Amino acid sequence: MTTTTPIGAPAPTGEPPLAASPGRRTGRRGPGPLFVLPFAVPFVLFLVWPVLQGIWMSFTDSSLALRDTSFVGLDNYAEAFGDPDVWSSLGNTVFFTAASSVPLVLIALAMALLVHSGLAGQWAWRLSFFVPYLLPVTVVTLIWTWLYQPDVGLGNELLGALGLEPVGWLSDESVAMWSVAALTVWWTVGFNFLLYLAALQSLPTVFDEAAALDGAGAWRRMWSVTLPQLRRTTVLVAMLQILASLKVFDQIYILTKGGPNGSTRPILEYVYDVGFTGYRLGYASAVSYVFFAIVILVSLAQLRLFRQED
């Protein structure tokens, strides 16, 4: 005996209906929020709450020396836009970003291409390129303080061997920021080198092999095949590097403390000086949020520019 299915009714599948399944959940209720809670609580306590508190503090005359705090509105922001020290510190930050970001991208790319070319002693090259990145900032600044010594430092010793006059690496206002940028390049280029090397190792070899069969040399293959495939990696490295350079603080504070005559003082060190040396927490918060807005604008401009080029 055969059975027939009425027209318009669902065909039988042999499986029980969903409502009849005892172990199946039909809603979104479950233990998910409990798994998120250990991460959400520190995020709110140590990031969201300090940000909100800093915004409120920027509208007050909060001070480390006084207990009473009063609301001052936009006075701190108006003072920040008219403060010449804010603009000079911001200019130092932009100069350092330009002086360090360009070589950090180009040198890292050259190092990765050198290692990827199959040069003998691969492990030694990789180790020597990446080890400086593992050193703490105090060790790095101590090493370069010795190198920059005016009388016995290696820098002036090399200049003397070439018959050149010694340079005040950390005492000359026109040279000090370049000295900090050189230290930063030596210290952090290993991270960008790893990003480029990983990208090179993941590239398909079929295009390079096809170009070689067509008679293209190694130099031509690098310019026409390899570098175009690294474009997305270059965009990523450039964006990360610019944002990291804008946040420079520790190596400058340890090496020069912003000197000579404030020529190397970045904006974050000015915020630190105003807040913890001048005791003006409200004004320091306003300056830090002005800088935060600038970083956000730079990030959005980068993202828009790279998307248009893509």
Protein backbone atom coordinates (compact mmCIF):
# COMPACT_ATOMS: atom_id res chain seq x y z
CA MET A 1 0.00 0.00 0.00
CA THR A 2 1.41 3.43 -0.93
CA THR A 3 0.77 6.82 0.72
CA THR A 4 0.29 10.14 -1.07
CA THR A 5 1.35 13.63 0.02
CA PRO A 6 -1.24 16.39 -0.26
CA ILE A 7 -0.44 19.24 -2.65
CA GLY A 8 1.27 22.14 -0.80
CA ALA A 9 2.30 20.05 2.23
CA PRO A 10 6.04 19.53 3.03
CA ALA A 11 7.46 16.23 1.85
CA PRO A 12 8.29 13.78 4.63
CA THR A 13 12.05 13.54 5.30
CA GLY A 14 12.08 10.82 7.89
CA GLU A 15 13.56 13.17 10.58
CA PRO A 16 11.65 14.38 13.63
CA PRO A 17 10.50 18.00 13.56
CA LEU A 18 12.79 20.60 15.25
CA ALA A 19 10.41 21.19 18.12
CA ALA A 20 10.47 17.50 18.92
CA SER A 21 14.28 17.35 19.27
CA PRO A 22 15.03 17.37 23.02
CA GLY A 23 18.68 18.55 22.79
CA ARG A 24 18.28 21.32 20.21
CA ARG A 25 18.24 25.02 21.34
CA THR A 26 15.94 27.28 19.45
CA GLY A 27 16.94 30.61 21.07
CA ARG A 28 20.21 32.55 21.66
CA ARG A 29 20.23 31.94 25.40
CA GLY A 30 23.26 30.03 26.61
CA PRO A 31 26.56 30.26 28.48
CA GLY A 32 28.17 32.59 25.87
CA PRO A 33 28.18 35.73 28.07
CA LEU A 34 29.98 33.82 30.83
CA PHE A 35 32.88 33.08 28.46
CA VAL A 36 33.06 36.74 27.43
CA LEU A 37 32.91 38.07 31.00
CA PRO A 38 36.60 37.42 31.98
CA PHE A 39 37.70 39.55 29.02
CA ALA A 40 34.93 42.14 29.13
CA VAL A 41 35.47 43.09 32.78
CA PRO A 42 39.21 44.00 32.43
CA PHE A 43 38.42 45.73 29.12
CA VAL A 44 35.85 47.97 30.79
CA LEU A 45 37.91 48.57 33.96
CA PHE A 46 41.29 49.25 32.35
CA LEU A 47 40.33 50.78 28.97
CA VAL A 48 36.76 52.07 28.73
CA TRP A 49 36.57 53.56 32.24
CA PRO A 50 39.99 55.35 32.07
CA VAL A 51 39.05 56.79 28.66
CA LEU A 52 35.75 58.15 29.97
CA GLN A 53 37.42 59.45 33.12
CA GLY A 54 40.15 61.14 31.04
CA ILE A 55 37.54 62.85 28.86
CA TRP A 56 35.78 64.20 31.95
CA MET A 57 39.11 65.27 33.49
CA SER A 58 39.99 67.25 30.34
CA PHE A 59 37.03 69.56 31.09
CA THR A 60 38.17 70.26 34.66
CA ASP A 61 41.12 71.91 36.43
CA SER A 62 42.09 68.63 38.10
CA SER A 63 45.53 68.74 39.70
CA LEU A 64 47.81 66.40 41.61
CA ALA A 65 48.47 69.16 44.14
CA LEU A 66 44.84 70.13 44.87
CA ARG A 67 41.89 68.05 46.02
CA ASP A 68 39.16 70.42 44.84
CA THR A 69 38.23 70.15 41.17
CA SER A 70 35.95 72.45 39.21
CA PHE A 71 34.46 72.28 35.74
CA VAL A 72 36.19 74.67 33.29
CA GLY A 73 34.47 73.71 30.04
CA LEU A 74 36.64 74.06 26.93
CA ASP A 75 39.28 76.27 28.58
CA ASN A 76 41.90 73.49 28.58
CA TYR A 77 41.36 72.80 24.86
CA ALA A 78 41.53 76.51 24.03
CA GLU A 79 44.80 76.79 25.95
CA ALA A 80 46.19 73.70 24.18
CA PHE A 81 45.55 75.13 20.71
CA GLY A 82 47.31 78.36 21.72
CA ASP A 83 50.24 76.70 23.50
CA PRO A 84 53.48 76.96 21.41
CA ASP A 85 55.01 74.03 23.32
CA VAL A 86 52.16 71.79 22.12
CA TRP A 87 52.85 72.66 18.48
CA SER A 88 56.64 72.35 18.80
CA SER A 89 56.28 68.93 20.48
CA LEU A 90 53.79 67.87 17.83
CA GLY A 91 56.23 69.03 15.13
CA ASN A 92 58.99 66.94 16.73
CA THR A 93 56.67 63.93 16.70
CA VAL A 94 55.84 64.37 13.02
CA PHE A 95 59.51 64.86 12.14
CA PHE A 96 60.48 61.69 14.01
CA THR A 97 57.66 59.76 12.29
CA ALA A 98 58.87 60.82 8.84
CA ALA A 99 62.55 60.24 9.67
CA SER A 100 62.00 56.74 11.06
CA SER A 101 59.04 55.29 9.11
CA VAL A 102 60.53 55.55 5.60
CA PRO A 103 63.81 53.70 6.40
CA LEU A 104 61.96 51.20 8.59
CA VAL A 105 59.88 50.14 5.58
CA LEU A 106 62.60 50.25 2.91
CA ILE A 107 65.37 48.63 4.98
CA ALA A 108 63.04 45.87 6.19
CA LEU A 109 62.04 45.12 2.60
CA ALA A 110 65.69 45.02 1.47
CA MET A 111 66.62 42.70 4.34
CA ALA A 112 63.73 40.32 3.58
CA LEU A 113 64.61 40.21 -0.13
CA LEU A 114 68.23 39.50 0.76
CA VAL A 115 67.33 36.59 3.04
CA HIS A 116 64.69 35.23 0.64
CA SER A 117 67.19 35.21 -2.23
CA GLY A 118 68.84 32.10 -0.73
CA LEU A 119 71.97 33.78 0.62
CA ALA A 120 74.31 31.43 2.49
CA GLY A 121 74.01 31.44 6.28
CA GLN A 122 70.25 31.93 6.42
CA TRP A 123 69.91 31.36 10.18
CA ALA A 124 72.70 33.83 10.94
CA TRP A 125 71.10 36.57 8.84
CA ARG A 126 67.66 36.02 10.36
CA LEU A 127 69.07 35.98 13.89
CA SER A 128 71.16 39.13 13.44
CA PHE A 129 68.26 41.02 11.84
CA PHE A 130 65.67 40.11 14.50
CA VAL A 131 67.63 39.95 17.78
CA PRO A 132 67.71 43.76 18.36
CA TYR A 133 63.90 43.78 18.39
CA LEU A 134 63.95 41.46 21.42
CA LEU A 135 66.07 43.81 23.53
CA PRO A 136 64.36 46.01 26.14
CA VAL A 137 64.41 49.74 25.62
CA THR A 138 66.78 50.37 28.54
CA VAL A 139 69.44 48.07 27.06
CA VAL A 140 69.06 49.61 23.61
CA THR A 141 69.41 53.17 24.88
CA LEU A 142 72.42 52.19 27.02
CA ILE A 143 74.19 50.69 23.98
CA TRP A 144 73.53 53.73 21.82
CA THR A 145 74.48 56.14 24.60
CA TRP A 146 77.94 54.57 24.51
CA LEU A 147 78.03 54.79 20.70
CA TYR A 148 77.04 58.47 20.83
CA GLN A 149 79.65 59.47 23.43
CA PRO A 150 81.41 62.63 22.15
CA ASP A 151 84.95 61.57 23.15
CA VAL A 152 85.13 57.78 23.15
CA GLY A 153 82.00 56.78 21.22
CA LEU A 154 82.19 54.63 18.11
CA GLY A 155 80.39 57.24 15.99
CA ASN A 156 82.99 59.97 16.43
CA GLU A 157 85.82 57.40 16.25
CA LEU A 158 84.65 56.40 12.75
CA LEU A 159 84.32 60.05 11.70
CA GLY A 160 87.83 60.73 13.00
CA ALA A 161 89.20 57.78 11.03
CA LEU A 162 87.67 59.35 7.89
CA GLY A 163 89.22 62.72 8.71
CA LEU A 164 85.88 64.35 9.66
CA GLU A 165 85.04 66.56 12.62
CA PRO A 166 83.26 64.99 15.62
CA VAL A 167 79.49 65.41 15.90
CA GLY A 168 77.39 66.14 18.96
CA TRP A 169 75.05 63.23 18.39
CA LEU A 170 72.84 64.04 21.38
CA SER A 171 73.90 67.64 22.13
CA ASP A 172 73.44 69.24 18.68
CA GLU A 173 69.83 70.33 18.12
CA SER A 174 70.03 69.65 14.38
CA VAL A 175 71.39 66.12 14.85
CA ALA A 176 69.75 64.78 18.03
CA MET A 177 66.44 63.71 16.46
CA TRP A 178 68.27 61.94 13.61
CA SER A 179 70.30 60.08 16.25
CA VAL A 180 67.09 58.92 17.94
CA ALA A 181 65.64 57.87 14.58
CA ALA A 182 68.78 55.80 13.79
CA LEU A 183 68.49 54.04 17.16
CA THR A 184 64.81 53.29 16.51
CA VAL A 185 65.49 51.89 13.04
CA TRP A 186 68.21 49.54 14.35
CA TRP A 187 66.01 48.46 17.25
CA THR A 188 62.61 47.83 15.58
CA VAL A 189 63.33 46.99 11.95
CA GLY A 190 63.30 43.27 12.80
CA PHE A 191 59.50 43.23 13.20
CA ASN A 192 58.88 44.65 9.73
CA PHE A 193 61.54 42.28 8.38
CA LEU A 194 59.55 39.30 9.69
CA LEU A 195 56.32 40.56 8.09
CA TYR A 196 58.00 40.96 4.71
CA LEU A 197 59.79 37.61 4.96
CA ALA A 198 56.54 35.78 5.79
CA ALA A 199 54.84 37.47 2.83
CA LEU A 200 57.68 36.51 0.47
CA GLN A 201 57.57 32.87 1.57
CA SER A 202 53.81 32.71 0.90
CA LEU A 203 53.99 34.10 -2.64
CA PRO A 204 53.24 31.62 -5.47
CA THR A 205 56.33 30.81 -7.52
CA VAL A 206 54.48 30.22 -10.78
CA PHE A 207 54.65 33.87 -11.86
CA ASP A 208 58.37 34.15 -11.16
CA GLU A 209 59.02 30.90 -13.03
CA ALA A 210 56.94 32.05 -16.01
CA ALA A 211 58.86 35.35 -16.13
CA ALA A 212 62.15 33.46 -16.00
CA LEU A 213 61.04 31.27 -18.91
CA ASP A 214 60.28 34.45 -20.86
CA GLY A 215 63.87 35.56 -20.33
CA ALA A 216 63.39 38.12 -17.53
CA GLY A 217 66.43 38.58 -15.30
CA ALA A 218 66.47 38.57 -11.51
CA TRP A 219 66.28 42.38 -11.23
CA ARG A 220 63.38 42.57 -13.71
CA ARG A 221 61.49 39.77 -11.94
CA MET A 222 61.86 41.56 -8.61
CA TRP A 223 60.46 44.88 -9.94
CA SER A 224 57.71 43.44 -12.16
CA VAL A 225 56.66 40.29 -10.31
CA THR A 226 57.73 40.21 -6.66
CA LEU A 227 57.22 43.83 -5.52
CA PRO A 228 53.70 44.17 -7.00
CA GLN A 229 52.66 41.05 -5.10
CA LEU A 230 53.98 42.61 -1.86
CA ARG A 231 51.82 45.70 -2.19
CA ARG A 232 49.28 44.71 0.48
CA THR A 233 52.08 43.83 2.89
CA THR A 234 53.74 47.19 2.25
CA VAL A 235 50.46 48.98 3.00
CA LEU A 236 50.10 47.04 6.26
CA VAL A 237 53.72 47.68 7.31
CA ALA A 238 53.49 51.40 6.49
CA MET A 239 50.26 51.87 8.45
CA LEU A 240 51.55 50.01 11.52
CA GLN A 241 54.87 51.84 11.40
CA ILE A 242 53.40 55.34 11.15
CA LEU A 243 51.05 54.70 14.07
CA ALA A 244 53.91 53.23 16.16
CA SER A 245 56.21 56.18 15.40
CA LEU A 246 53.53 58.70 16.36
CA LYS A 247 53.45 57.11 19.83
CA VAL A 248 57.20 57.44 20.43
CA PHE A 249 58.14 58.17 24.05
CA ASP A 250 60.34 55.74 25.96
CA GLN A 251 63.60 55.75 23.98
CA ILE A 252 63.58 59.55 23.70
CA TYR A 253 62.78 60.03 27.38
CA ILE A 254 65.62 57.73 28.46
CA LEU A 255 68.15 58.91 25.87
CA THR A 256 67.71 62.71 25.77
CA LYS A 257 64.75 63.56 28.05
CA GLY A 258 63.54 65.78 25.23
CA GLY A 259 66.76 67.82 24.94
CA PRO A 260 68.71 69.68 23.85
CA ASN A 261 66.36 72.65 24.36
CA GLY A 262 63.27 70.55 23.64
CA SER A 263 64.41 69.65 20.11
CA THR A 264 63.57 65.94 20.62
CA ARG A 265 60.59 66.24 22.97
CA PRO A 266 57.59 64.38 21.48
CA ILE A 267 54.01 65.26 22.30
CA LEU A 268 53.60 62.33 24.71
CA GLU A 269 56.56 63.51 26.77
CA TYR A 270 55.01 66.98 26.92
CA VAL A 271 51.80 65.40 28.23
CA TYR A 272 53.85 63.53 30.84
CA ASP A 273 55.71 66.69 31.88
CA VAL A 274 52.54 68.76 32.18
CA GLY A 275 50.64 66.09 34.10
CA PHE A 276 53.24 64.69 36.47
CA THR A 277 55.79 67.50 36.74
CA GLY A 278 53.43 70.46 36.45
CA TYR A 279 50.64 68.62 38.34
CA ARG A 280 48.03 69.82 35.77
CA LEU A 281 46.12 66.62 35.07
CA GLY A 282 43.15 68.38 33.46
CA TYR A 283 45.28 70.25 30.95
CA ALA A 284 47.42 67.16 30.25
CA SER A 285 44.24 65.18 29.51
CA ALA A 286 43.07 67.85 27.07
CA VAL A 287 46.41 67.81 25.21
CA SER A 288 46.39 64.00 25.07
CA TYR A 289 42.90 63.95 23.56
CA VAL A 290 43.86 66.55 20.98
CA PHE A 291 46.72 64.25 19.98
CA PHE A 292 44.36 61.27 20.03
CA ALA A 293 42.06 63.05 17.58
CA ILE A 294 45.03 63.77 15.28
CA VAL A 295 46.07 60.08 15.32
CA ILE A 296 42.52 59.03 14.45
CA LEU A 297 42.43 61.50 11.55
CA VAL A 298 45.80 60.25 10.26
CA SER A 299 44.59 56.64 10.48
CA LEU A 300 41.38 57.40 8.59
CA ALA A 301 43.30 59.35 5.92
CA GLN A 302 45.73 56.43 5.49
CA LEU A 303 42.92 53.93 5.22
CA ARG A 304 41.05 56.03 2.66
CA LEU A 305 44.20 56.68 0.60
CA PHE A 306 45.22 53.04 0.47
CA ARG A 307 41.69 51.91 -0.40
CA GLN A 308 41.57 54.36 -3.30
CA GLU A 309 44.92 53.11 -4.60
CA ASP A 310 43.77 49.51 -4.17
